[in-house]
N, C-alpha and C. Protein backbone atom coordinates (compact mmCIF):
# COMPACT_ATOMS: atom_id res chain seq x y z
N MET A 1 -42.73 -15.69 16.82
CA MET A 1 -41.75 -14.92 16.09
C MET A 1 -42.03 -15.12 14.60
N ALA A 2 -42.16 -14.02 13.86
CA ALA A 2 -42.45 -14.09 12.43
C ALA A 2 -41.18 -14.36 11.65
N SER A 3 -41.31 -15.13 10.59
CA SER A 3 -40.13 -15.41 9.77
C SER A 3 -39.86 -14.20 8.88
N GLN A 4 -38.58 -13.85 8.78
CA GLN A 4 -38.21 -12.69 7.97
C GLN A 4 -37.67 -13.16 6.63
N GLU A 5 -38.19 -12.57 5.56
CA GLU A 5 -37.69 -12.89 4.24
C GLU A 5 -36.58 -11.91 3.90
N SER A 6 -35.52 -12.41 3.30
CA SER A 6 -34.43 -11.51 2.93
C SER A 6 -34.67 -10.98 1.53
N GLU A 7 -34.34 -9.72 1.36
CA GLU A 7 -34.47 -9.09 0.05
C GLU A 7 -33.10 -9.05 -0.61
N PRO A 8 -33.07 -9.19 -1.92
CA PRO A 8 -31.77 -9.13 -2.60
C PRO A 8 -31.17 -7.73 -2.49
N LEU A 9 -29.86 -7.71 -2.36
CA LEU A 9 -29.13 -6.45 -2.24
C LEU A 9 -28.73 -6.00 -3.64
N THR A 10 -29.03 -4.75 -3.96
CA THR A 10 -28.66 -4.20 -5.25
C THR A 10 -27.76 -3.00 -5.02
N LEU A 11 -26.58 -3.04 -5.63
CA LEU A 11 -25.64 -1.93 -5.51
C LEU A 11 -25.94 -0.87 -6.56
N SER A 12 -25.72 0.37 -6.18
CA SER A 12 -25.85 1.47 -7.13
C SER A 12 -24.73 1.35 -8.15
N PRO A 13 -24.82 2.07 -9.26
CA PRO A 13 -23.72 2.03 -10.24
C PRO A 13 -22.38 2.41 -9.61
N LEU A 14 -22.38 3.39 -8.73
CA LEU A 14 -21.13 3.78 -8.06
C LEU A 14 -20.65 2.64 -7.16
N GLY A 15 -21.55 2.01 -6.44
CA GLY A 15 -21.19 0.88 -5.58
C GLY A 15 -20.63 -0.28 -6.39
N GLN A 16 -21.21 -0.52 -7.56
CA GLN A 16 -20.71 -1.59 -8.44
C GLN A 16 -19.31 -1.26 -8.94
N GLU A 17 -19.09 0.01 -9.27
CA GLU A 17 -17.77 0.43 -9.74
C GLU A 17 -16.73 0.29 -8.63
N ILE A 18 -17.10 0.70 -7.43
CA ILE A 18 -16.19 0.57 -6.28
C ILE A 18 -15.86 -0.89 -6.03
N LYS A 19 -16.85 -1.76 -6.11
CA LYS A 19 -16.63 -3.19 -5.92
C LYS A 19 -15.69 -3.74 -7.00
N GLN A 20 -15.87 -3.28 -8.24
CA GLN A 20 -15.02 -3.73 -9.34
C GLN A 20 -13.58 -3.31 -9.09
N TYR A 21 -13.34 -2.06 -8.69
CA TYR A 21 -11.98 -1.59 -8.42
C TYR A 21 -11.38 -2.29 -7.20
N SER A 22 -12.20 -2.53 -6.21
CA SER A 22 -11.73 -3.22 -5.02
C SER A 22 -11.27 -4.64 -5.36
N ASN A 23 -12.03 -5.32 -6.18
CA ASN A 23 -11.64 -6.67 -6.61
C ASN A 23 -10.36 -6.64 -7.44
N ALA A 24 -10.25 -5.63 -8.31
CA ALA A 24 -9.04 -5.51 -9.14
C ALA A 24 -7.82 -5.26 -8.27
N LEU A 25 -7.95 -4.40 -7.27
CA LEU A 25 -6.84 -4.13 -6.36
C LEU A 25 -6.45 -5.36 -5.55
N ALA A 26 -7.43 -6.13 -5.16
CA ALA A 26 -7.15 -7.33 -4.37
C ALA A 26 -6.35 -8.36 -5.18
N ASN A 27 -6.48 -8.29 -6.50
CA ASN A 27 -5.79 -9.26 -7.35
C ASN A 27 -4.41 -8.80 -7.81
N LEU A 28 -4.02 -7.58 -7.44
CA LEU A 28 -2.68 -7.10 -7.80
C LEU A 28 -1.63 -7.73 -6.90
N PRO A 29 -0.46 -8.02 -7.46
CA PRO A 29 0.60 -8.59 -6.62
C PRO A 29 1.16 -7.54 -5.67
N ASP A 30 1.63 -7.98 -4.53
CA ASP A 30 2.23 -7.08 -3.55
C ASP A 30 3.62 -6.64 -3.99
N ILE A 31 4.25 -7.42 -4.85
CA ILE A 31 5.61 -7.14 -5.27
C ILE A 31 5.60 -6.81 -6.76
N ARG A 32 6.24 -5.70 -7.11
CA ARG A 32 6.36 -5.31 -8.51
C ARG A 32 7.61 -5.98 -9.08
N LEU A 33 7.41 -7.13 -9.71
CA LEU A 33 8.53 -7.93 -10.19
C LEU A 33 9.42 -7.18 -11.18
N GLU A 34 8.83 -6.33 -12.01
CA GLU A 34 9.64 -5.56 -12.96
C GLU A 34 10.63 -4.67 -12.23
N ARG A 35 10.16 -4.01 -11.18
CA ARG A 35 11.03 -3.11 -10.41
C ARG A 35 12.10 -3.90 -9.67
N VAL A 36 11.72 -5.04 -9.11
CA VAL A 36 12.68 -5.88 -8.40
C VAL A 36 13.78 -6.32 -9.35
N THR A 37 13.41 -6.72 -10.56
CA THR A 37 14.39 -7.15 -11.55
C THR A 37 15.33 -6.00 -11.92
N GLN A 38 14.78 -4.80 -12.10
CA GLN A 38 15.61 -3.63 -12.42
C GLN A 38 16.64 -3.37 -11.32
N ILE A 39 16.18 -3.43 -10.08
CA ILE A 39 17.08 -3.16 -8.94
C ILE A 39 18.13 -4.26 -8.83
N GLN A 40 17.73 -5.51 -9.02
CA GLN A 40 18.69 -6.60 -8.96
C GLN A 40 19.79 -6.43 -10.01
N LYS A 41 19.41 -6.05 -11.23
CA LYS A 41 20.40 -5.84 -12.29
C LYS A 41 21.34 -4.69 -11.93
N ALA A 42 20.77 -3.59 -11.41
CA ALA A 42 21.59 -2.44 -11.04
C ALA A 42 22.55 -2.80 -9.92
N LEU A 43 22.09 -3.58 -8.95
CA LEU A 43 22.98 -4.01 -7.86
C LEU A 43 24.11 -4.88 -8.40
N LYS A 44 23.76 -5.79 -9.29
CA LYS A 44 24.75 -6.70 -9.85
C LYS A 44 25.80 -5.93 -10.67
N ASN A 45 25.35 -4.90 -11.39
CA ASN A 45 26.24 -4.09 -12.22
C ASN A 45 26.98 -3.02 -11.43
N GLY A 46 26.59 -2.80 -10.18
CA GLY A 46 27.20 -1.75 -9.38
C GLY A 46 26.74 -0.36 -9.76
N THR A 47 25.56 -0.27 -10.39
CA THR A 47 25.05 1.03 -10.83
C THR A 47 23.87 1.52 -10.01
N TYR A 48 23.52 0.80 -8.96
CA TYR A 48 22.38 1.21 -8.12
C TYR A 48 22.86 2.27 -7.15
N ALA A 49 22.28 3.45 -7.27
CA ALA A 49 22.68 4.58 -6.42
C ALA A 49 21.55 4.92 -5.46
N ILE A 50 21.91 5.15 -4.22
CA ILE A 50 20.94 5.51 -3.19
C ILE A 50 21.30 6.89 -2.67
N SER A 51 20.31 7.77 -2.61
CA SER A 51 20.52 9.09 -2.02
C SER A 51 20.50 8.94 -0.50
N SER A 52 21.61 9.29 0.13
CA SER A 52 21.68 9.16 1.59
C SER A 52 20.66 10.08 2.26
N GLN A 53 20.39 11.23 1.66
CA GLN A 53 19.40 12.15 2.22
C GLN A 53 18.00 11.54 2.16
N ASN A 54 17.64 10.95 1.00
CA ASN A 54 16.33 10.30 0.88
C ASN A 54 16.21 9.13 1.83
N LEU A 55 17.27 8.35 1.96
CA LEU A 55 17.26 7.21 2.87
C LEU A 55 17.04 7.67 4.30
N ALA A 56 17.76 8.69 4.71
CA ALA A 56 17.62 9.22 6.08
C ALA A 56 16.21 9.75 6.31
N ASP A 57 15.69 10.47 5.33
CA ASP A 57 14.33 11.01 5.45
C ASP A 57 13.30 9.89 5.61
N LYS A 58 13.43 8.85 4.80
CA LYS A 58 12.49 7.72 4.87
C LYS A 58 12.61 6.98 6.19
N LEU A 59 13.83 6.80 6.69
CA LEU A 59 14.02 6.14 7.98
C LEU A 59 13.37 6.93 9.10
N ILE A 60 13.58 8.23 9.10
CA ILE A 60 12.98 9.08 10.13
C ILE A 60 11.46 9.04 10.03
N GLN A 61 10.95 9.08 8.81
CA GLN A 61 9.51 9.01 8.59
C GLN A 61 8.95 7.69 9.12
N GLU A 62 9.62 6.59 8.82
CA GLU A 62 9.17 5.27 9.26
C GLU A 62 9.23 5.15 10.78
N ILE A 63 10.30 5.60 11.39
CA ILE A 63 10.44 5.54 12.84
C ILE A 63 9.39 6.39 13.52
N SER A 64 9.12 7.56 12.95
CA SER A 64 8.11 8.45 13.52
C SER A 64 6.73 7.83 13.47
N SER A 65 6.45 7.07 12.40
CA SER A 65 5.13 6.45 12.28
C SER A 65 4.96 5.29 13.28
N LEU A 66 6.07 4.74 13.76
CA LEU A 66 6.00 3.64 14.73
C LEU A 66 5.85 4.14 16.16
N SER A 67 6.17 5.40 16.38
CA SER A 67 6.12 5.97 17.72
C SER A 67 4.68 6.04 18.21
N PRO A 68 4.42 5.59 19.46
CA PRO A 68 3.06 5.64 19.98
C PRO A 68 2.53 7.06 20.11
N ASP A 69 3.40 8.03 20.32
CA ASP A 69 2.98 9.41 20.46
C ASP A 69 3.78 10.26 19.48
N SER A 70 3.38 10.18 18.20
CA SER A 70 4.14 10.88 17.17
C SER A 70 3.81 12.35 17.09
N SER A 71 2.81 12.83 17.88
CA SER A 71 2.44 14.23 17.81
C SER A 71 3.37 15.13 18.62
N SER A 72 4.08 14.57 19.58
CA SER A 72 5.00 15.40 20.37
C SER A 72 6.42 15.13 19.91
N SER A 73 7.24 16.16 19.99
CA SER A 73 8.63 15.98 19.62
C SER A 73 9.50 16.05 20.84
N SER A 74 10.61 15.33 20.81
CA SER A 74 11.50 15.31 21.96
C SER A 74 12.80 16.01 21.62
N ALA A 75 12.70 17.15 20.97
CA ALA A 75 13.90 17.89 20.58
C ALA A 75 14.37 18.81 21.68
């Protein structure tokens, strides 16, 4: 069996850019602390308003995405 030499891997400029953005995204926090602080203040002040229509729409959207067969409707 012949020994195989490994060649260095070189990324194209686009590949390097994608790697740079991928690394930057990996370092972003999962929680936007500024937004959390804004919501906490609004809740404390009693000024946080939630649209019941938007809430219902988001709940339905989330439940639909959890369904194993979301392509059929049971209406």
